[in-house]
Full PDB file with SEQRES, HELIX, SHEET, SSBOND, CRYST1, ORIGX, SCALE, CONECT and MASTER records, all heavy atoms in Angstrom:
SEQRES   1 A   31  LEU VAL ALA SER ILE THR SER GLY GLY ARG THR ASN TYR          
SEQRES   2 A   31  ALA ASP SER VAL LYS GLY ARG PHE THR ILE SER GLY ASP          
SEQRES   3 A   31  ASN ALA LYS ASN THR                                          
SHEET    1 AA1 2 ALA A   3  ILE A   5  0                                        
SHEET    2 AA1 2 THR A  11  TYR A  13 -1                                        
CRYST1    1.000    1.000    1.000  90.00  90.00  90.00 P 1           1          
ORIGX1      1.000000  0.000000  0.000000        0.00000                         
ORIGX2      0.000000  1.000000  0.000000        0.00000                         
ORIGX3      0.000000  0.000000  1.000000        0.00000                         
SCALE1      1.000000  0.000000  0.000000        0.00000                         
SCALE2      0.000000  1.000000  0.000000        0.00000                         
SCALE3      0.000000  0.000000  1.000000        0.00000                         
ATOM      1  N   LEU A   1      62.114  76.325  -7.106  1.00  0.00           N  
ATOM      2  CA  LEU A   1      63.165  75.622  -7.818  1.00  0.00           C  
ATOM      3  C   LEU A   1      62.972  74.136  -7.642  1.00  0.00           C  
ATOM      4  O   LEU A   1      62.776  73.602  -6.561  1.00  0.00           O  
ATOM      5  CB  LEU A   1      64.529  76.065  -7.264  1.00  0.00           C  
ATOM      6  CG  LEU A   1      65.736  75.268  -7.827  1.00  0.00           C  
ATOM      7  CD1 LEU A   1      65.951  75.627  -9.266  1.00  0.00           C  
ATOM      8  CD2 LEU A   1      66.977  75.568  -7.064  1.00  0.00           C  
ATOM      9  N   VAL A   2      63.057  73.426  -8.802  1.00  0.00           N  
ATOM     10  CA  VAL A   2      62.982  71.958  -8.777  1.00  0.00           C  
ATOM     11  C   VAL A   2      64.401  71.395  -8.843  1.00  0.00           C  
ATOM     12  O   VAL A   2      64.791  70.508  -8.070  1.00  0.00           O  
ATOM     13  CB  VAL A   2      62.145  71.457  -9.934  1.00  0.00           C  
ATOM     14  CG1 VAL A   2      62.148  69.889  -9.959  1.00  0.00           C  
ATOM     15  CG2 VAL A   2      60.709  71.952  -9.849  1.00  0.00           C  
ATOM     16  N   ALA A   3      65.191  71.841  -9.822  1.00  0.00           N  
ATOM     17  CA  ALA A   3      66.515  71.367 -10.034  1.00  0.00           C  
ATOM     18  C   ALA A   3      67.297  72.314 -10.893  1.00  0.00           C  
ATOM     19  O   ALA A   3      66.730  73.051 -11.712  1.00  0.00           O  
ATOM     20  CB  ALA A   3      66.540  69.942 -10.715  1.00  0.00           C  
ATOM     21  N   SER A   4      68.596  72.304 -10.722  1.00  0.00           N  
ATOM     22  CA  SER A   4      69.475  73.162 -11.554  1.00  0.00           C  
ATOM     23  C   SER A   4      70.759  72.444 -11.838  1.00  0.00           C  
ATOM     24  O   SER A   4      71.142  71.515 -11.090  1.00  0.00           O  
ATOM     25  CB  SER A   4      69.753  74.501 -10.828  1.00  0.00           C  
ATOM     26  OG  SER A   4      70.453  74.334  -9.626  1.00  0.00           O  
ATOM     27  N   ILE A   5      71.424  72.927 -12.878  1.00  0.00           N  
ATOM     28  CA  ILE A   5      72.678  72.324 -13.270  1.00  0.00           C  
ATOM     29  C   ILE A   5      73.567  73.409 -13.887  1.00  0.00           C  
ATOM     30  O   ILE A   5      73.068  74.270 -14.616  1.00  0.00           O  
ATOM     31  CB  ILE A   5      72.464  71.151 -14.262  1.00  0.00           C  
ATOM     32  CG1 ILE A   5      73.825  70.475 -14.531  1.00  0.00           C  
ATOM     33  CG2 ILE A   5      71.828  71.667 -15.528  1.00  0.00           C  
ATOM     34  CD1 ILE A   5      73.643  69.129 -15.310  1.00  0.00           C  
ATOM     35  N   THR A   6      74.860  73.393 -13.529  1.00  0.00           N  
ATOM     36  CA  THR A   6      75.802  74.332 -14.121  1.00  0.00           C  
ATOM     37  C   THR A   6      76.425  73.690 -15.342  1.00  0.00           C  
ATOM     38  O   THR A   6      76.295  72.499 -15.565  1.00  0.00           O  
ATOM     39  CB  THR A   6      76.918  74.708 -13.106  1.00  0.00           C  
ATOM     40  OG1 THR A   6      77.775  73.585 -12.866  1.00  0.00           O  
ATOM     41  CG2 THR A   6      76.330  75.165 -11.788  1.00  0.00           C  
ATOM     42  N   SER A   7      77.096  74.565 -16.123  1.00  0.00           N  
ATOM     43  CA  SER A   7      77.762  74.029 -17.299  1.00  0.00           C  
ATOM     44  C   SER A   7      78.892  73.064 -16.942  1.00  0.00           C  
ATOM     45  O   SER A   7      79.267  72.254 -17.804  1.00  0.00           O  
ATOM     46  CB  SER A   7      78.321  75.209 -18.156  1.00  0.00           C  
ATOM     47  OG  SER A   7      79.251  75.980 -17.399  1.00  0.00           O  
ATOM     48  N   GLY A   8      79.338  73.131 -15.740  1.00  0.00           N  
ATOM     49  CA  GLY A   8      80.355  72.154 -15.246  1.00  0.00           C  
ATOM     50  C   GLY A   8      79.802  70.878 -14.692  1.00  0.00           C  
ATOM     51  O   GLY A   8      80.567  70.001 -14.355  1.00  0.00           O  
ATOM     52  N   GLY A   9      78.431  70.779 -14.673  1.00  0.00           N  
ATOM     53  CA  GLY A   9      77.838  69.557 -14.298  1.00  0.00           C  
ATOM     54  C   GLY A   9      77.392  69.486 -12.820  1.00  0.00           C  
ATOM     55  O   GLY A   9      76.883  68.417 -12.382  1.00  0.00           O  
ATOM     56  N   ARG A  10      77.534  70.541 -12.068  1.00  0.00           N  
ATOM     57  CA  ARG A  10      77.097  70.530 -10.639  1.00  0.00           C  
ATOM     58  C   ARG A  10      75.579  70.665 -10.630  1.00  0.00           C  
ATOM     59  O   ARG A  10      75.002  71.539 -11.316  1.00  0.00           O  
ATOM     60  CB  ARG A  10      77.726  71.672  -9.912  1.00  0.00           C  
ATOM     61  CG  ARG A  10      79.214  71.454  -9.643  1.00  0.00           C  
ATOM     62  CD  ARG A  10      79.876  72.670  -9.030  1.00  0.00           C  
ATOM     63  NE  ARG A  10      79.936  73.816  -9.920  1.00  0.00           N  
ATOM     64  CZ  ARG A  10      80.400  74.945  -9.622  1.00  0.00           C  
ATOM     65  NH1 ARG A  10      80.879  75.207  -8.391  1.00  0.00           N  
ATOM     66  NH2 ARG A  10      80.427  75.909 -10.561  1.00  0.00           N  
ATOM     67  N   THR A  11      74.976  69.839  -9.819  1.00  0.00           N  
ATOM     68  CA  THR A  11      73.468  69.796  -9.726  1.00  0.00           C  
ATOM     69  C   THR A  11      72.945  70.174  -8.361  1.00  0.00           C  
ATOM     70  O   THR A  11      73.670  70.036  -7.384  1.00  0.00           O  
ATOM     71  CB  THR A  11      72.914  68.450 -10.148  1.00  0.00           C  
ATOM     72  OG1 THR A  11      73.450  67.431  -9.286  1.00  0.00           O  
ATOM     73  CG2 THR A  11      73.319  68.100 -11.552  1.00  0.00           C  
ATOM     74  N   ASN A  12      71.725  70.652  -8.301  1.00  0.00           N  
ATOM     75  CA  ASN A  12      71.053  70.986  -7.084  1.00  0.00           C  
ATOM     76  C   ASN A  12      69.619  70.596  -7.227  1.00  0.00           C  
ATOM     77  O   ASN A  12      68.974  70.793  -8.282  1.00  0.00           O  
ATOM     78  CB  ASN A  12      71.181  72.444  -6.776  1.00  0.00           C  
ATOM     79  CG  ASN A  12      70.579  72.838  -5.447  1.00  0.00           C  
ATOM     80  OD1 ASN A  12      70.754  72.156  -4.463  1.00  0.00           O  
ATOM     81  ND2 ASN A  12      69.877  73.959  -5.448  1.00  0.00           N  
ATOM     82  N   TYR A  13      68.984  70.043  -6.155  1.00  0.00           N  
ATOM     83  CA  TYR A  13      67.585  69.551  -6.262  1.00  0.00           C  
ATOM     84  C   TYR A  13      66.844  70.014  -4.987  1.00  0.00           C  
ATOM     85  O   TYR A  13      67.371  70.134  -3.888  1.00  0.00           O  
ATOM     86  CB  TYR A  13      67.528  68.033  -6.239  1.00  0.00           C  
ATOM     87  CG  TYR A  13      68.128  67.377  -7.457  1.00  0.00           C  
ATOM     88  CD1 TYR A  13      69.469  66.961  -7.468  1.00  0.00           C  
ATOM     89  CD2 TYR A  13      67.390  67.158  -8.578  1.00  0.00           C  
ATOM     90  CE1 TYR A  13      70.029  66.396  -8.574  1.00  0.00           C  
ATOM     91  CE2 TYR A  13      67.932  66.616  -9.728  1.00  0.00           C  
ATOM     92  CZ  TYR A  13      69.286  66.200  -9.715  1.00  0.00           C  
ATOM     93  OH  TYR A  13      69.804  65.567 -10.836  1.00  0.00           O  
ATOM     94  N   ALA A  14      65.546  70.288  -5.242  1.00  0.00           N  
ATOM     95  CA  ALA A  14      64.668  70.487  -4.109  1.00  0.00           C  
ATOM     96  C   ALA A  14      64.522  69.194  -3.312  1.00  0.00           C  
ATOM     97  O   ALA A  14      64.554  68.085  -3.889  1.00  0.00           O  
ATOM     98  CB  ALA A  14      63.308  70.919  -4.607  1.00  0.00           C  
ATOM     99  N   ASP A  15      64.341  69.332  -1.995  1.00  0.00           N  
ATOM    100  CA  ASP A  15      64.266  68.138  -1.211  1.00  0.00           C  
ATOM    101  C   ASP A  15      63.100  67.238  -1.582  1.00  0.00           C  
ATOM    102  O   ASP A  15      63.200  65.995  -1.514  1.00  0.00           O  
ATOM    103  CB  ASP A  15      64.041  68.516   0.276  1.00  0.00           C  
ATOM    104  CG  ASP A  15      65.342  69.095   0.897  1.00  0.00           C  
ATOM    105  OD1 ASP A  15      66.433  68.893   0.372  1.00  0.00           O  
ATOM    106  OD2 ASP A  15      65.223  69.786   1.971  1.00  0.00           O  
ATOM    107  N   SER A  16      62.020  67.862  -2.078  1.00  0.00           N  
ATOM    108  CA  SER A  16      60.848  67.097  -2.418  1.00  0.00           C  
ATOM    109  C   SER A  16      61.006  66.157  -3.628  1.00  0.00           C  
ATOM    110  O   SER A  16      60.189  65.257  -3.882  1.00  0.00           O  
ATOM    111  CB  SER A  16      59.678  68.036  -2.681  1.00  0.00           C  
ATOM    112  OG  SER A  16      59.917  68.926  -3.719  1.00  0.00           O  
ATOM    113  N   VAL A  17      62.072  66.446  -4.444  1.00  0.00           N  
ATOM    114  CA  VAL A  17      62.227  65.615  -5.643  1.00  0.00           C  
ATOM    115  C   VAL A  17      63.533  64.814  -5.623  1.00  0.00           C  
ATOM    116  O   VAL A  17      63.769  64.044  -6.559  1.00  0.00           O  
ATOM    117  CB  VAL A  17      62.189  66.479  -6.870  1.00  0.00           C  
ATOM    118  CG1 VAL A  17      60.962  67.318  -6.940  1.00  0.00           C  
ATOM    119  CG2 VAL A  17      63.441  67.402  -7.017  1.00  0.00           C  
ATOM    120  N   LYS A  18      64.335  64.924  -4.585  1.00  0.00           N  
ATOM    121  CA  LYS A  18      65.585  64.205  -4.555  1.00  0.00           C  
ATOM    122  C   LYS A  18      65.318  62.676  -4.569  1.00  0.00           C  
ATOM    123  O   LYS A  18      64.409  62.138  -3.869  1.00  0.00           O  
ATOM    124  CB  LYS A  18      66.351  64.538  -3.243  1.00  0.00           C  
ATOM    125  CG  LYS A  18      66.984  65.908  -3.278  1.00  0.00           C  
ATOM    126  CD  LYS A  18      67.794  66.195  -1.989  1.00  0.00           C  
ATOM    127  CE  LYS A  18      68.386  67.576  -2.042  1.00  0.00           C  
ATOM    128  NZ  LYS A  18      69.098  67.880  -0.763  1.00  0.00           N  
ATOM    129  N   GLY A  19      66.077  62.013  -5.427  1.00  0.00           N  
ATOM    130  CA  GLY A  19      65.896  60.560  -5.563  1.00  0.00           C  
ATOM    131  C   GLY A  19      64.858  60.184  -6.586  1.00  0.00           C  
ATOM    132  O   GLY A  19      64.806  58.992  -6.963  1.00  0.00           O  
ATOM    133  N   ARG A  20      64.067  61.121  -7.048  1.00  0.00           N  
ATOM    134  CA  ARG A  20      63.046  60.828  -8.070  1.00  0.00           C  
ATOM    135  C   ARG A  20      63.324  61.564  -9.379  1.00  0.00           C  
ATOM    136  O   ARG A  20      63.036  60.989 -10.453  1.00  0.00           O  
ATOM    137  CB  ARG A  20      61.641  61.322  -7.546  1.00  0.00           C  
ATOM    138  CG  ARG A  20      61.208  60.539  -6.277  1.00  0.00           C  
ATOM    139  CD  ARG A  20      59.797  60.834  -5.986  1.00  0.00           C  
ATOM    140  NE  ARG A  20      59.547  62.283  -5.670  1.00  0.00           N  
ATOM    141  CZ  ARG A  20      58.699  63.042  -6.330  1.00  0.00           C  
ATOM    142  NH1 ARG A  20      58.027  62.549  -7.380  1.00  0.00           N  
ATOM    143  NH2 ARG A  20      58.591  64.326  -6.011  1.00  0.00           N  
ATOM    144  N   PHE A  21      63.876  62.775  -9.305  1.00  0.00           N  
ATOM    145  CA  PHE A  21      64.102  63.526 -10.510  1.00  0.00           C  
ATOM    146  C   PHE A  21      65.602  63.611 -10.792  1.00  0.00           C  
ATOM    147  O   PHE A  21      66.411  63.664  -9.847  1.00  0.00           O  
ATOM    148  CB  PHE A  21      63.574  64.981 -10.398  1.00  0.00           C  
ATOM    149  CG  PHE A  21      62.070  65.094 -10.312  1.00  0.00           C  
ATOM    150  CD1 PHE A  21      61.239  64.023 -10.239  1.00  0.00           C  
ATOM    151  CD2 PHE A  21      61.491  66.354 -10.365  1.00  0.00           C  
ATOM    152  CE1 PHE A  21      59.850  64.154 -10.168  1.00  0.00           C  
ATOM    153  CE2 PHE A  21      60.128  66.504 -10.321  1.00  0.00           C  
ATOM    154  CZ  PHE A  21      59.306  65.420 -10.221  1.00  0.00           C  
ATOM    155  N   THR A  22      65.948  63.698 -12.068  1.00  0.00           N  
ATOM    156  CA  THR A  22      67.336  63.870 -12.502  1.00  0.00           C  
ATOM    157  C   THR A  22      67.433  64.941 -13.562  1.00  0.00           C  
ATOM    158  O   THR A  22      66.725  64.831 -14.551  1.00  0.00           O  
ATOM    159  CB  THR A  22      67.924  62.559 -13.014  1.00  0.00           C  
ATOM    160  OG1 THR A  22      67.831  61.539 -12.054  1.00  0.00           O  
ATOM    161  CG2 THR A  22      69.367  62.748 -13.374  1.00  0.00           C  
ATOM    162  N   ILE A  23      68.285  65.953 -13.344  1.00  0.00           N  
ATOM    163  CA  ILE A  23      68.495  66.954 -14.333  1.00  0.00           C  
ATOM    164  C   ILE A  23      69.845  66.680 -15.068  1.00  0.00           C  
ATOM    165  O   ILE A  23      70.765  66.192 -14.474  1.00  0.00           O  
ATOM    166  CB  ILE A  23      68.548  68.362 -13.688  1.00  0.00           C  
ATOM    167  CG1 ILE A  23      68.540  69.442 -14.751  1.00  0.00           C  
ATOM    168  CG2 ILE A  23      69.745  68.526 -12.750  1.00  0.00           C  
ATOM    169  CD1 ILE A  23      68.387  70.834 -14.236  1.00  0.00           C  
ATOM    170  N   SER A  24      69.812  66.901 -16.317  1.00  0.00           N  
ATOM    171  CA  SER A  24      70.985  66.679 -17.163  1.00  0.00           C  
ATOM    172  C   SER A  24      71.048  67.685 -18.269  1.00  0.00           C  
ATOM    173  O   SER A  24      70.002  68.336 -18.585  1.00  0.00           O  
ATOM    174  CB  SER A  24      71.036  65.237 -17.711  1.00  0.00           C  
ATOM    175  OG  SER A  24      69.931  65.046 -18.573  1.00  0.00           O  
ATOM    176  N   GLY A  25      72.217  67.891 -18.843  1.00  0.00           N  
ATOM    177  CA  GLY A  25      72.311  68.856 -19.904  1.00  0.00           C  
ATOM    178  C   GLY A  25      73.287  68.379 -20.980  1.00  0.00           C  
ATOM    179  O   GLY A  25      74.093  67.518 -20.779  1.00  0.00           O  
ATOM    180  N   ASP A  26      73.105  68.979 -22.155  1.00  0.00           N  
ATOM    181  CA  ASP A  26      73.918  68.689 -23.280  1.00  0.00           C  
ATOM    182  C   ASP A  26      74.534  70.040 -23.684  1.00  0.00           C  
ATOM    183  O   ASP A  26      73.847  70.884 -24.294  1.00  0.00           O  
ATOM    184  CB  ASP A  26      73.135  68.105 -24.432  1.00  0.00           C  
ATOM    185  CG  ASP A  26      74.005  67.654 -25.599  1.00  0.00           C  
ATOM    186  OD1 ASP A  26      75.002  68.264 -25.813  1.00  0.00           O  
ATOM    187  OD2 ASP A  26      73.613  66.688 -26.257  1.00  0.00           O  
ATOM    188  N   ASN A  27      75.820  70.287 -23.401  1.00  0.00           N  
ATOM    189  CA  ASN A  27      76.421  71.561 -23.646  1.00  0.00           C  
ATOM    190  C   ASN A  27      76.481  71.847 -25.130  1.00  0.00           C  
ATOM    191  O   ASN A  27      76.323  73.009 -25.590  1.00  0.00           O  
ATOM    192  CB  ASN A  27      77.819  71.626 -23.033  1.00  0.00           C  
ATOM    193  CG  ASN A  27      77.861  71.731 -21.533  1.00  0.00           C  
ATOM    194  OD1 ASN A  27      76.914  72.235 -20.955  1.00  0.00           O  
ATOM    195  ND2 ASN A  27      78.945  71.287 -20.925  1.00  0.00           N  
ATOM    196  N   ALA A  28      76.695  70.799 -25.946  1.00  0.00           N  
ATOM    197  CA  ALA A  28      76.802  71.008 -27.384  1.00  0.00           C  
ATOM    198  C   ALA A  28      75.489  71.493 -28.012  1.00  0.00           C  
ATOM    199  O   ALA A  28      75.469  72.231 -28.914  1.00  0.00           O  
ATOM    200  CB  ALA A  28      77.267  69.740 -28.040  1.00  0.00           C  
ATOM    201  N   LYS A  29      74.361  71.028 -27.387  1.00  0.00           N  
ATOM    202  CA  LYS A  29      73.082  71.367 -27.910  1.00  0.00           C  
ATOM    203  C   LYS A  29      72.431  72.533 -27.133  1.00  0.00           C  
ATOM    204  O   LYS A  29      71.323  72.987 -27.535  1.00  0.00           O  
ATOM    205  CB  LYS A  29      72.107  70.175 -27.850  1.00  0.00           C  
ATOM    206  CG  LYS A  29      72.567  69.016 -28.724  1.00  0.00           C  
ATOM    207  CD  LYS A  29      71.548  67.882 -28.567  1.00  0.00           C  
ATOM    208  CE  LYS A  29      71.933  66.705 -29.468  1.00  0.00           C  
ATOM    209  NZ  LYS A  29      70.962  65.525 -29.309  1.00  0.00           N  
ATOM    210  N   ASN A  30      73.052  73.015 -26.059  1.00  0.00           N  
ATOM    211  CA  ASN A  30      72.502  73.995 -25.204  1.00  0.00           C  
ATOM    212  C   ASN A  30      71.031  73.636 -24.810  1.00  0.00           C  
ATOM    213  O   ASN A  30      70.099  74.389 -24.906  1.00  0.00           O  
ATOM    214  CB  ASN A  30      72.475  75.371 -25.942  1.00  0.00           C  
ATOM    215  CG  ASN A  30      73.845  75.971 -25.977  1.00  0.00           C  
ATOM    216  OD1 ASN A  30      74.738  75.648 -25.217  1.00  0.00           O  
ATOM    217  ND2 ASN A  30      74.027  76.991 -26.823  1.00  0.00           N  
ATOM    218  N   THR A  31      70.932  72.408 -24.354  1.00  0.00           N  
ATOM    219  CA  THR A  31      69.658  71.848 -23.979  1.00  0.00           C  
ATOM    220  C   THR A  31      69.752  71.194 -22.633  1.00  0.00           C  
ATOM    221  O   THR A  31      70.760  70.580 -22.281  1.00  0.00           O  
ATOM    222  CB  THR A  31      69.233  70.771 -25.015  1.00  0.00           C  
ATOM    223  OG1 THR A  31      69.062  71.419 -26.313  1.00  0.00           O  
ATOM    224  CG2 THR A  31      67.896  70.173 -24.664  1.00  0.00           C  
TER     225      THR A  31                                                      
MASTER        0    0    0    0    2    0    0    6  224    1    0    3          
END                                                                             
């Protein structure tokens, strides 16, 4: 796992990528 995000916006990151990677989502686009 690298990163995850819930439909409510809660995120989780692997320690190796924290501070470097950012996950985001667009609920309207399901992307």
